[in-house]
Amino acid sequence: MVDVLFTHSYFLRFDPKEFRAMMPYPPLGTLYAAAAARGRGYSAALFDSMLATSEDDILPFLASHRPRVVVIYDDDFNYLTKMCLSRMRAAAFRMAAAARAAGCIVVVHGSDPVDHLEEYFANAADYVVCGEGEATLVSLLDHLLGRTGDRALIPGLAFRDGGKTTLTPPRPLMKDLDALAFPAWDLVDVERYRAAWIGRHGYFSVNMVTTRGCPFHCNWCAKPIYGQAYNTRSPENVVGEMLALRAAVRPDHLWFCDDIFGLKPGWVERFSREVVARDAVIPFKCLARVDLLLKENTVEHLRRAGCRTVWVGAESGSQKILDAMEKGTTVAQIYEARKRLKEAGIRVGFFLQYGYPGESRDDIDLTLRMVRECRPDDIGISVSYPLPGTKFYDTVRQSLGDKQNWVDSEDLDLMFAGAYTPDFYRALHRVTHKRLRLLQGWDTLRAVAAAPWRITPRSLRAIAASGYHAVTLPGLHARMNRLARVR
């Protein structure tokens, strides 16, 4: 019997695009919460839904561990979780019902529960932990497990009382992140993750986080957990965790899943020095802003620290659209950041967003031109997705229909009255990907022609892919153009 069974609501199997990609990461936020509970003296177990086949997989865990409390603690550091997908909400409801049927108290935490309190209370949740969760959860466990406290005095908590929902005042955010215990990696079936990664990609990647929050004001970005605050761990503390992970988990690669890696002035330089001094280099990818990459010799410091890939929120090749988003970056900075990263031997991924209000075909063409001219190594494409609590949501709220969340990350439904139909944007998504693959195939063909002795299996795959995309791209363009005339 354990005091607390932790789980989360993201099932890779329920997200077809991500399941095909097979790049699973353990629920980092959940592991932080479990470490906090154990630091308070509570026993804990984990049902990790990431690689599970269905919600019913929790049933043996409920039977074997007989927990007093079940905590569905979603991973605040996983952008897929922050998308508030309706299929995962349904999974949370089903697991909550199973926990309630087993006689457990049900606690939930995450972006989606904060936006939909009443729905979660109607579906077996007893408490919702709001905001930064560890301290609130520990105080709630003290109350629930008989130690101390009045629940009405616990900051950052929502519950039903006498048929009405009570929401206590928010809890101040932690500033000293070094005080947090490292995530409870011993609860994870590491070998199952390793097998999934190596079987598909030939290496094993795990996740870390160095910060919490983001201080920038992109008006489509929902921030129900940390708001505009931004707090960071010290480089020394981060490198200490890297060394601990290398000893315990033995990853080949790291994903720093911060919203922005190394925002604080001088942080990346200190981190790079610490990594080198302590012989802690592990290849990694991270997310960054293009304007910050152009400061303080940041790209070179990233290279020395072991960075292999940087993803940036390029969003659009139209300055008009970037300004409408209140992005605070320029198209020129995107081009320059790509140039510097390429010169440093660091791969670049562009996050792109189509469908923002006011975007025209000319703006779309500017984005396609940016992809052609910058040649990122990879792209991730979304359409504008209004989430509660954002200025963008308030702008389009009156035109939203009954559907207000995507089912999964491949949904790409434009849920407000946009310039074109959802099918147009889905076709545009495919066109953009195929055009990039075609460009990459051509580049590879030229490189092979210039130096055929350097041909590799990877280059052969790129050449084969380029032929496929060359055949299918004209038809996709034609379909996209037809769809553009529908609305």
Protein backbone atom coordinates (compact mmCIF):
# COMPACT_ATOMS: atom_id res chain seq x y z
CA MET A 1 0.00 0.00 0.00
CA VAL A 2 1.28 3.49 -0.87
CA ASP A 3 0.10 6.91 0.18
CA VAL A 4 -0.03 8.37 -3.34
CA LEU A 5 -0.28 6.94 -6.84
CA PHE A 6 0.87 9.51 -9.38
CA THR A 7 -0.15 9.49 -13.02
CA HIS A 8 -0.79 11.93 -15.89
CA SER A 9 -3.28 12.11 -18.74
CA TYR A 10 -1.04 12.12 -21.83
CA PHE A 11 -1.17 8.79 -23.69
CA LEU A 12 1.17 8.67 -26.67
CA ARG A 13 -1.02 6.00 -28.25
CA PHE A 14 -3.97 8.43 -28.35
CA ASP A 15 -1.99 11.00 -30.36
CA PRO A 16 -1.47 9.39 -33.80
CA LYS A 17 1.14 11.82 -35.15
CA GLU A 18 3.30 11.60 -32.02
CA PHE A 19 2.83 7.85 -31.82
CA ARG A 20 4.20 7.53 -35.36
CA ALA A 21 7.15 9.75 -34.43
CA MET A 22 7.81 7.63 -31.30
CA MET A 23 9.82 10.16 -29.31
CA PRO A 24 8.39 9.54 -25.82
CA TYR A 25 9.58 11.48 -22.79
CA PRO A 26 8.68 10.66 -19.17
CA PRO A 27 6.30 13.11 -17.42
CA LEU A 28 8.88 15.44 -15.91
CA GLY A 29 6.42 17.61 -13.99
CA THR A 30 4.84 14.51 -12.49
CA LEU A 31 8.26 13.28 -11.38
CA TYR A 32 8.98 16.61 -9.68
CA ALA A 33 5.67 16.34 -7.81
CA ALA A 34 6.42 12.76 -6.75
CA ALA A 35 9.85 13.83 -5.49
CA ALA A 36 8.25 16.61 -3.45
CA ALA A 37 5.73 14.21 -1.90
CA ARG A 38 8.44 11.72 -1.00
CA GLY A 39 10.55 14.52 0.44
CA ARG A 40 7.67 15.15 2.83
CA GLY A 41 7.72 11.50 3.87
CA TYR A 42 4.87 10.12 1.76
CA SER A 43 5.29 6.87 -0.15
CA ALA A 44 4.62 7.07 -3.88
CA ALA A 45 4.20 4.97 -7.00
CA LEU A 46 3.75 5.92 -10.65
CA PHE A 47 1.39 4.77 -13.37
CA ASP A 48 3.08 6.27 -16.43
CA SER A 49 0.45 6.60 -19.12
CA MET A 50 2.92 7.79 -21.79
CA LEU A 51 3.53 4.27 -23.13
CA ALA A 52 0.32 2.68 -21.87
CA THR A 53 -2.27 1.18 -24.21
CA SER A 54 -5.46 2.42 -22.53
CA GLU A 55 -6.85 4.10 -19.44
CA ASP A 56 -7.70 0.67 -18.04
CA ASP A 57 -3.99 0.01 -17.61
CA ILE A 58 -4.24 1.97 -14.36
CA LEU A 59 -6.48 -0.69 -12.81
CA PRO A 60 -3.71 -3.15 -11.83
CA PHE A 61 -1.79 -0.27 -10.23
CA LEU A 62 -4.84 0.68 -8.17
CA ALA A 63 -5.28 -2.95 -7.12
CA SER A 64 -1.63 -3.65 -6.25
CA HIS A 65 -0.67 -0.33 -4.62
CA ARG A 66 -4.05 0.44 -2.96
CA PRO A 67 -3.24 4.17 -2.77
CA ARG A 68 -5.11 6.51 -0.47
CA VAL A 69 -4.76 9.36 -2.95
CA VAL A 70 -4.47 9.33 -6.75
CA VAL A 71 -2.85 12.42 -8.25
CA ILE A 72 -3.33 13.00 -11.98
CA TYR A 73 -0.50 15.48 -12.29
CA ASP A 74 0.02 16.58 -15.88
CA ASP A 75 3.47 17.53 -17.10
CA ASP A 76 3.68 21.34 -17.18
CA PHE A 77 6.89 21.10 -19.23
CA ASN A 78 5.46 19.08 -22.13
CA TYR A 79 4.04 21.30 -24.88
CA LEU A 80 1.73 18.44 -25.91
CA THR A 81 0.14 18.52 -22.48
CA LYS A 82 -0.17 22.30 -22.59
CA MET A 83 -2.22 21.98 -25.79
CA CYS A 84 -5.16 20.75 -23.65
CA LEU A 85 -6.20 18.01 -26.08
CA SER A 86 -9.75 16.75 -25.59
CA ARG A 87 -8.78 13.08 -26.01
CA MET A 88 -6.43 13.38 -23.06
CA ARG A 89 -9.09 15.15 -21.01
CA ALA A 90 -11.36 12.16 -21.61
CA ALA A 91 -8.53 9.90 -20.44
CA ALA A 92 -8.15 11.93 -17.25
CA PHE A 93 -11.89 11.63 -16.57
CA ARG A 94 -11.82 7.86 -17.06
CA MET A 95 -8.81 7.38 -14.76
CA ALA A 96 -10.36 9.67 -12.15
CA ALA A 97 -13.54 7.59 -12.22
CA ALA A 98 -11.53 4.39 -11.80
CA ALA A 99 -9.67 5.89 -8.85
CA ARG A 100 -12.89 7.08 -7.25
CA ALA A 101 -14.41 3.60 -7.72
CA ALA A 102 -11.36 2.16 -5.93
CA GLY A 103 -12.09 4.38 -2.93
CA CYS A 104 -9.29 6.89 -3.57
CA ILE A 105 -9.29 10.65 -3.18
CA VAL A 106 -8.65 12.18 -6.62
CA VAL A 107 -6.43 15.22 -7.12
CA VAL A 108 -5.68 16.72 -10.54
CA HIS A 109 -3.23 19.34 -11.75
CA GLY A 110 -2.47 20.88 -15.15
CA SER A 111 -3.35 23.56 -17.66
CA ASP A 112 -6.57 21.88 -18.76
CA PRO A 113 -8.07 21.38 -15.27
CA VAL A 114 -7.48 25.07 -14.48
CA ASP A 115 -9.45 26.02 -17.62
CA HIS A 116 -12.25 23.49 -16.97
CA LEU A 117 -12.69 23.23 -13.21
CA GLU A 118 -16.38 22.33 -13.26
CA GLU A 119 -15.94 19.60 -15.85
CA TYR A 120 -13.23 17.94 -13.79
CA PHE A 121 -15.31 18.17 -10.60
CA ALA A 122 -18.21 16.62 -12.50
CA ASN A 123 -15.92 13.77 -13.53
CA ALA A 124 -14.67 12.44 -10.19
CA ALA A 125 -12.00 15.03 -9.29
CA ASP A 126 -12.07 16.02 -5.62
CA TYR A 127 -9.38 18.72 -5.81
CA VAL A 128 -7.63 20.76 -8.49
CA VAL A 129 -4.13 22.03 -7.73
CA CYS A 130 -3.72 25.37 -9.52
CA GLY A 131 -0.53 27.20 -10.44
CA GLU A 132 2.90 25.86 -9.55
CA GLY A 133 1.96 22.61 -7.93
CA GLU A 134 4.54 21.02 -5.64
CA ALA A 135 4.06 23.08 -2.45
CA THR A 136 0.28 23.14 -2.80
CA LEU A 137 0.17 19.38 -3.35
CA VAL A 138 2.30 18.68 -0.30
CA SER A 139 0.08 20.91 1.87
CA LEU A 140 -2.99 19.16 0.51
CA LEU A 141 -1.49 15.73 1.26
CA ASP A 142 -0.84 16.89 4.82
CA HIS A 143 -4.52 17.77 5.08
CA LEU A 144 -5.83 14.63 3.40
CA LEU A 145 -3.61 12.15 5.17
CA GLY A 146 -4.36 13.47 8.61
CA ARG A 147 -1.33 15.48 9.51
CA THR A 148 -2.51 19.07 9.67
CA GLY A 149 -4.22 22.00 8.03
CA ASP A 150 -7.47 23.46 6.82
CA ARG A 151 -7.96 23.05 3.10
CA ALA A 152 -9.47 26.52 2.83
CA LEU A 153 -6.15 27.95 3.96
CA ILE A 154 -4.05 26.13 1.35
CA PRO A 155 -3.11 28.59 -1.44
CA GLY A 156 -3.61 27.55 -5.05
CA LEU A 157 -6.37 25.00 -4.46
CA ALA A 158 -9.85 24.47 -5.90
CA PHE A 159 -12.50 22.15 -4.46
CA ARG A 160 -16.24 21.75 -4.10
CA ASP A 161 -17.78 22.82 -0.81
CA GLY A 162 -21.51 22.67 -0.21
CA GLY A 163 -22.26 22.39 -3.92
CA LYS A 164 -20.15 25.44 -4.76
CA THR A 165 -16.61 25.66 -6.11
CA THR A 166 -14.09 27.26 -3.78
CA LEU A 167 -10.86 28.67 -5.20
CA THR A 168 -8.27 29.77 -2.66
CA PRO A 169 -5.85 32.67 -3.32
CA PRO A 170 -2.91 31.85 -5.62
CA ARG A 171 0.35 30.64 -4.15
CA PRO A 172 3.46 32.77 -4.84
CA LEU A 173 5.83 31.11 -7.28
CA MET A 174 9.07 29.55 -6.13
CA LYS A 175 12.12 31.69 -6.83
CA ASP A 176 14.86 29.35 -5.58
CA LEU A 177 14.48 26.46 -8.01
CA ASP A 178 17.73 24.93 -6.79
CA ALA A 179 15.84 24.01 -3.62
CA LEU A 180 13.70 21.51 -5.56
CA ALA A 181 14.57 17.84 -5.30
CA PHE A 182 15.60 16.27 -8.60
CA PRO A 183 12.74 14.43 -10.36
CA ALA A 184 11.95 10.92 -9.11
CA TRP A 185 13.48 9.05 -12.04
CA ASP A 186 13.61 5.80 -10.07
CA LEU A 187 9.82 5.53 -10.51
CA VAL A 188 10.18 5.40 -14.30
CA ASP A 189 10.54 2.23 -16.37
CA VAL A 190 13.65 3.64 -18.02
CA GLU A 191 14.42 0.53 -20.04
CA ARG A 192 11.05 0.67 -21.77
CA TYR A 193 11.77 4.23 -22.89
CA ARG A 194 15.29 3.27 -23.93
CA ALA A 195 13.98 0.42 -26.08
CA ALA A 196 11.41 2.69 -27.77
CA TRP A 197 14.02 5.32 -28.63
CA ILE A 198 16.79 3.01 -29.76
CA GLY A 199 14.41 0.84 -31.74
CA ARG A 200 13.17 3.84 -33.74
CA HIS A 201 16.02 6.36 -33.66
CA GLY A 202 19.17 4.54 -32.60
CA TYR A 203 19.77 6.66 -29.51
CA PHE A 204 18.09 7.36 -26.16
CA SER A 205 16.94 10.84 -25.20
CA VAL A 206 15.59 12.03 -21.84
CA ASN A 207 14.21 15.36 -20.68
CA MET A 208 15.36 18.06 -18.28
CA VAL A 209 14.25 21.58 -17.47
CA THR A 210 16.34 24.53 -16.28
CA THR A 211 13.63 27.18 -15.89
CA ARG A 212 9.97 27.77 -15.20
CA GLY A 213 7.83 30.22 -17.11
CA CYS A 214 8.35 32.82 -19.84
CA PRO A 215 8.31 36.63 -19.49
CA PHE A 216 7.47 37.42 -23.12
CA HIS A 217 4.07 38.47 -24.40
CA CYS A 218 3.20 36.44 -27.51
CA ASN A 219 -0.55 37.00 -27.41
CA TRP A 220 -1.52 33.45 -28.41
CA CYS A 221 0.54 31.75 -25.70
CA ALA A 222 -1.46 30.42 -22.72
CA LYS A 223 0.27 30.63 -19.33
CA PRO A 224 -2.16 29.25 -16.73
CA ILE A 225 0.57 27.83 -14.50
CA TYR A 226 3.37 30.42 -14.26
CA GLY A 227 1.86 33.54 -15.83
CA GLN A 228 4.51 36.02 -16.97
CA ALA A 229 7.04 34.97 -14.32
CA TYR A 230 10.39 33.47 -15.21
CA ASN A 231 12.66 31.75 -12.71
CA THR A 232 15.81 29.77 -13.38
CA ARG A 233 18.04 27.17 -11.79
CA SER A 234 21.75 27.86 -11.41
CA PRO A 235 24.05 26.36 -14.05
CA GLU A 236 25.82 24.47 -11.25
CA ASN A 237 22.58 22.84 -10.14
CA VAL A 238 21.64 21.91 -13.71
CA VAL A 239 25.02 20.33 -14.41
CA GLY A 240 24.74 18.42 -11.13
CA GLU A 241 21.50 16.88 -12.39
CA MET A 242 23.11 16.09 -15.75
CA LEU A 243 25.81 14.11 -13.99
CA ALA A 244 23.25 12.33 -11.81
CA LEU A 245 21.20 11.43 -14.89
CA ARG A 246 24.26 10.17 -16.71
CA ALA A 247 25.04 7.85 -13.80
CA ALA A 248 21.51 6.61 -13.15
CA VAL A 249 19.77 6.68 -16.54
CA ARG A 250 22.64 6.69 -19.07
CA PRO A 251 21.05 8.83 -21.80
CA ASP A 252 22.68 9.46 -25.16
CA HIS A 253 20.92 12.79 -25.58
CA LEU A 254 18.99 15.42 -23.59
CA TRP A 255 15.99 17.56 -24.41
CA PHE A 256 15.95 20.78 -22.40
CA CYS A 257 12.23 21.42 -22.58
CA ASP A 258 12.24 24.98 -21.23
CA ASP A 259 9.98 27.47 -23.00
CA ILE A 260 13.19 29.48 -23.49
CA PHE A 261 16.63 28.09 -22.76
CA GLY A 262 19.17 30.48 -21.30
CA LEU A 263 17.21 33.71 -21.23
CA LYS A 264 18.99 35.22 -18.24
CA PRO A 265 22.04 37.30 -19.29
CA GLY A 266 25.27 35.35 -18.92
CA TRP A 267 23.52 32.08 -18.04
CA VAL A 268 24.47 30.12 -21.18
CA GLU A 269 28.12 31.16 -20.87
CA ARG A 270 28.23 30.04 -17.20
CA PHE A 271 26.47 26.81 -18.13
CA SER A 272 28.93 26.10 -20.93
CA ARG A 273 31.92 26.67 -18.67
CA GLU A 274 30.44 24.43 -15.97
CA VAL A 275 29.64 21.62 -18.40
CA VAL A 276 33.18 21.63 -19.79
CA ALA A 277 34.85 21.99 -16.38
CA ARG A 278 32.93 19.03 -14.93
CA ASP A 279 33.20 16.86 -18.06
CA ALA A 280 29.41 16.74 -18.28
CA VAL A 281 28.88 17.17 -22.03
CA ILE A 282 25.81 15.29 -23.25
CA PRO A 283 24.44 16.15 -26.73
CA PHE A 284 21.21 18.12 -26.35
CA LYS A 285 18.45 20.05 -28.06
CA CYS A 286 16.72 23.13 -26.67
CA LEU A 287 14.24 25.88 -27.51
CA ALA A 288 15.38 29.48 -27.93
CA ARG A 289 14.32 32.90 -29.22
CA VAL A 290 16.05 34.17 -32.32
CA ASP A 291 16.82 37.56 -30.80
CA LEU A 292 18.55 36.00 -27.78
CA LEU A 293 20.66 33.76 -30.01
CA LEU A 294 22.26 36.88 -31.48
CA LYS A 295 23.51 38.14 -28.11
CA GLU A 296 26.58 37.41 -25.97
CA ASN A 297 28.16 34.88 -28.32
CA THR A 298 25.34 32.57 -27.25
CA VAL A 299 25.58 30.24 -30.25
CA GLU A 300 29.24 29.47 -29.58
CA HIS A 301 28.55 28.82 -25.90
CA LEU A 302 25.75 26.43 -26.86
CA ARG A 303 28.07 24.59 -29.21
CA ARG A 304 30.72 24.15 -26.52
CA ALA A 305 28.13 22.86 -24.06
CA GLY A 306 27.08 20.09 -26.45
CA CYS A 307 24.06 21.59 -28.22
CA ARG A 308 23.15 19.69 -31.37
CA THR A 309 19.73 21.18 -32.22
CA VAL A 310 17.95 24.45 -31.49
CA TRP A 311 14.24 24.91 -32.12
CA VAL A 312 13.05 28.49 -32.52
CA GLY A 313 9.58 30.01 -32.64
CA ALA A 314 9.92 31.49 -36.11
CA GLU A 315 6.10 31.43 -36.52
CA SER A 316 5.90 33.47 -39.76
CA GLY A 317 7.99 34.96 -42.53
CA SER A 318 5.77 38.05 -42.47
CA GLN A 319 6.79 40.87 -40.18
CA LYS A 320 3.19 42.06 -40.21
CA ILE A 321 2.06 38.79 -38.63
CA LEU A 322 4.93 38.68 -36.11
CA ASP A 323 3.96 42.19 -34.98
CA ALA A 324 0.27 41.22 -34.76
CA MET A 325 1.28 38.30 -32.53
CA GLU A 326 3.32 40.68 -30.35
CA LYS A 327 6.20 38.29 -30.85
CA GLY A 328 8.93 40.88 -30.28
CA THR A 329 11.22 39.40 -32.94
CA THR A 330 11.95 40.19 -36.58
CA VAL A 331 12.18 38.17 -39.76
CA ALA A 332 15.75 39.43 -40.18
CA GLN A 333 16.64 37.92 -36.79
CA ILE A 334 15.25 34.56 -37.91
CA TYR A 335 17.51 34.57 -40.95
CA GLU A 336 20.57 35.66 -38.97
CA ALA A 337 20.01 33.13 -36.16
CA ARG A 338 19.68 30.33 -38.72
CA LYS A 339 22.92 31.48 -40.39
CA ARG A 340 24.90 31.54 -37.14
CA LEU A 341 23.61 28.19 -35.95
CA LYS A 342 24.41 26.55 -39.28
CA GLU A 343 27.94 27.98 -39.18
CA ALA A 344 28.35 26.48 -35.70
CA GLY A 345 27.21 23.06 -36.92
CA ILE A 346 23.97 23.18 -34.90
CA ARG A 347 20.78 21.87 -36.49
CA VAL A 348 17.79 24.20 -36.54
CA GLY A 349 14.06 23.54 -36.23
CA PHE A 350 11.44 26.18 -37.04
CA PHE A 351 8.06 26.24 -35.33
CA LEU A 352 5.62 27.78 -37.82
CA GLN A 353 2.07 28.97 -37.29
CA TYR A 354 -0.51 29.54 -40.01
CA GLY A 355 -3.96 31.07 -39.83
CA TYR A 356 -3.38 33.99 -37.49
CA PRO A 357 -6.06 36.68 -38.00
CA GLY A 358 -5.08 39.03 -40.80
CA GLU A 359 -2.78 36.53 -42.53
CA SER A 360 -3.16 36.69 -46.31
CA ARG A 361 -1.84 34.55 -49.14
CA ASP A 362 1.01 37.05 -49.49
CA ASP A 363 1.93 36.46 -45.84
CA ILE A 364 1.80 32.70 -46.36
CA ASP A 365 4.06 33.05 -49.39
CA LEU A 366 6.54 35.00 -47.25
CA THR A 367 6.63 32.10 -44.79
CA LEU A 368 7.17 29.61 -47.59
CA ARG A 369 9.96 31.81 -48.94
CA MET A 370 11.57 31.95 -45.50
CA VAL A 371 11.54 28.15 -45.33
CA ARG A 372 13.05 27.95 -48.82
CA GLU A 373 15.78 30.49 -48.14
CA CYS A 374 16.65 29.49 -44.56
CA ARG A 375 16.46 25.73 -45.18
CA PRO A 376 15.79 24.69 -41.56
CA ASP A 377 16.67 21.10 -40.80
CA ASP A 378 13.16 20.44 -39.51
CA ILE A 379 9.85 22.23 -39.08
CA GLY A 380 6.87 21.89 -36.78
CA ILE A 381 3.66 23.40 -38.13
CA SER A 382 0.52 24.43 -36.31
CA VAL A 383 -2.45 26.62 -37.02
CA SER A 384 -3.48 29.36 -34.64
CA TYR A 385 -5.07 27.71 -31.61
CA PRO A 386 -7.05 29.94 -29.22
CA LEU A 387 -6.65 28.90 -25.58
CA PRO A 388 -8.41 30.59 -22.64
CA GLY A 389 -6.48 33.28 -20.85
CA THR A 390 -4.82 34.69 -23.97
CA LYS A 391 -5.40 37.97 -25.76
CA PHE A 392 -5.80 36.00 -28.97
CA TYR A 393 -8.57 33.90 -27.43
CA ASP A 394 -10.42 37.05 -26.36
CA THR A 395 -10.10 38.43 -29.90
CA VAL A 396 -11.68 35.43 -31.64
CA ARG A 397 -13.94 34.19 -28.83
CA GLN A 398 -17.18 35.36 -30.44
CA SER A 399 -16.50 33.29 -33.55
CA LEU A 400 -15.67 30.04 -31.72
CA GLY A 401 -18.07 27.16 -32.13
CA ASP A 402 -18.83 24.24 -29.83
CA LYS A 403 -15.41 22.69 -30.44
CA GLN A 404 -12.83 24.64 -28.43
CA ASN A 405 -9.97 22.13 -28.11
CA TRP A 406 -8.18 19.88 -30.55
CA VAL A 407 -8.72 16.16 -30.17
CA ASP A 408 -5.03 15.38 -30.74
CA SER A 409 -1.96 17.26 -31.94
CA GLU A 410 -2.68 16.36 -35.59
CA ASP A 411 -6.16 17.89 -35.48
CA LEU A 412 -5.14 21.34 -36.84
CA ASP A 413 -8.75 22.54 -36.88
CA LEU A 414 -9.03 26.31 -37.25
CA MET A 415 -11.78 26.73 -34.68
CA PHE A 416 -12.56 30.39 -35.38
CA ALA A 417 -13.63 32.26 -38.49
CA GLY A 418 -10.33 32.43 -40.34
CA ALA A 419 -9.39 33.52 -43.83
CA TYR A 420 -9.57 29.98 -45.23
CA THR A 421 -11.12 26.64 -44.38
CA PRO A 422 -9.51 24.12 -42.01
CA ASP A 423 -8.91 21.80 -44.98
CA PHE A 424 -6.89 24.55 -46.69
CA TYR A 425 -4.58 24.79 -43.68
CA ARG A 426 -4.21 21.03 -43.50
CA ALA A 427 -3.18 21.01 -47.17
CA LEU A 428 -0.82 23.92 -46.51
CA HIS A 429 0.71 21.93 -43.65
CA ARG A 430 1.52 19.08 -46.02
CA VAL A 431 2.74 21.40 -48.79
CA THR A 432 5.18 23.15 -46.46
CA HIS A 433 6.62 19.87 -45.21
CA LYS A 434 6.92 18.39 -48.67
CA ARG A 435 8.53 21.51 -50.13
CA LEU A 436 11.17 21.45 -47.42
CA ARG A 437 11.88 17.75 -47.96
CA LEU A 438 12.19 18.39 -51.69
CA LEU A 439 14.68 21.21 -51.08
CA GLN A 440 16.65 19.01 -48.73
CA GLY A 441 16.69 16.21 -51.28
CA TRP A 442 17.98 18.55 -53.97
CA ASP A 443 20.68 19.84 -51.63
CA THR A 444 21.74 16.27 -50.90
CA LEU A 445 21.84 15.41 -54.61
CA ARG A 446 24.11 18.35 -55.27
CA ALA A 447 26.37 17.41 -52.36
CA VAL A 448 26.61 13.79 -53.53
CA ALA A 449 27.36 14.89 -57.09
CA ALA A 450 30.18 17.06 -55.80
CA ALA A 451 31.64 14.39 -53.50
CA PRO A 452 30.18 10.93 -54.26
CA TRP A 453 32.65 9.21 -51.94
CA ARG A 454 30.85 10.84 -48.98
CA ILE A 455 27.48 9.23 -49.65
CA THR A 456 25.79 7.83 -46.52
CA PRO A 457 22.60 5.86 -45.77
CA ARG A 458 21.08 9.11 -44.53
CA SER A 459 21.82 10.91 -47.79
CA LEU A 460 20.37 8.00 -49.77
CA ARG A 461 17.14 8.27 -47.77
CA ALA A 462 17.00 12.01 -48.43
CA ILE A 463 17.44 11.47 -52.16
CA ALA A 464 14.68 8.85 -52.20
CA ALA A 465 12.38 11.15 -50.26
CA SER A 466 13.01 14.02 -52.66
CA GLY A 467 11.77 11.96 -55.59
CA TYR A 468 8.54 11.10 -53.78
CA HIS A 469 7.85 14.68 -52.82
CA ALA A 470 8.57 15.93 -56.33
CA VAL A 471 5.81 13.67 -57.64
CA THR A 472 3.17 14.55 -55.06
CA LEU A 473 3.83 18.26 -54.50
CA PRO A 474 2.09 19.67 -57.62
CA GLY A 475 -1.14 17.86 -56.75
CA LEU A 476 -1.01 19.19 -53.21
CA HIS A 477 -0.46 22.73 -54.47
CA ALA A 478 -3.46 22.41 -56.77
CA ARG A 479 -5.65 21.13 -53.95
CA MET A 480 -4.52 23.92 -51.64
CA ASN A 481 -5.36 26.54 -54.29
CA ARG A 482 -8.81 25.04 -54.87
CA LEU A 483 -9.51 25.07 -51.14
CA ALA A 484 -8.37 28.70 -50.89
CA ARG A 485 -11.33 29.67 -53.06
CA VAL A 486 -13.94 27.87 -50.93
CA ARG A 487 -14.37 30.56 -48.30
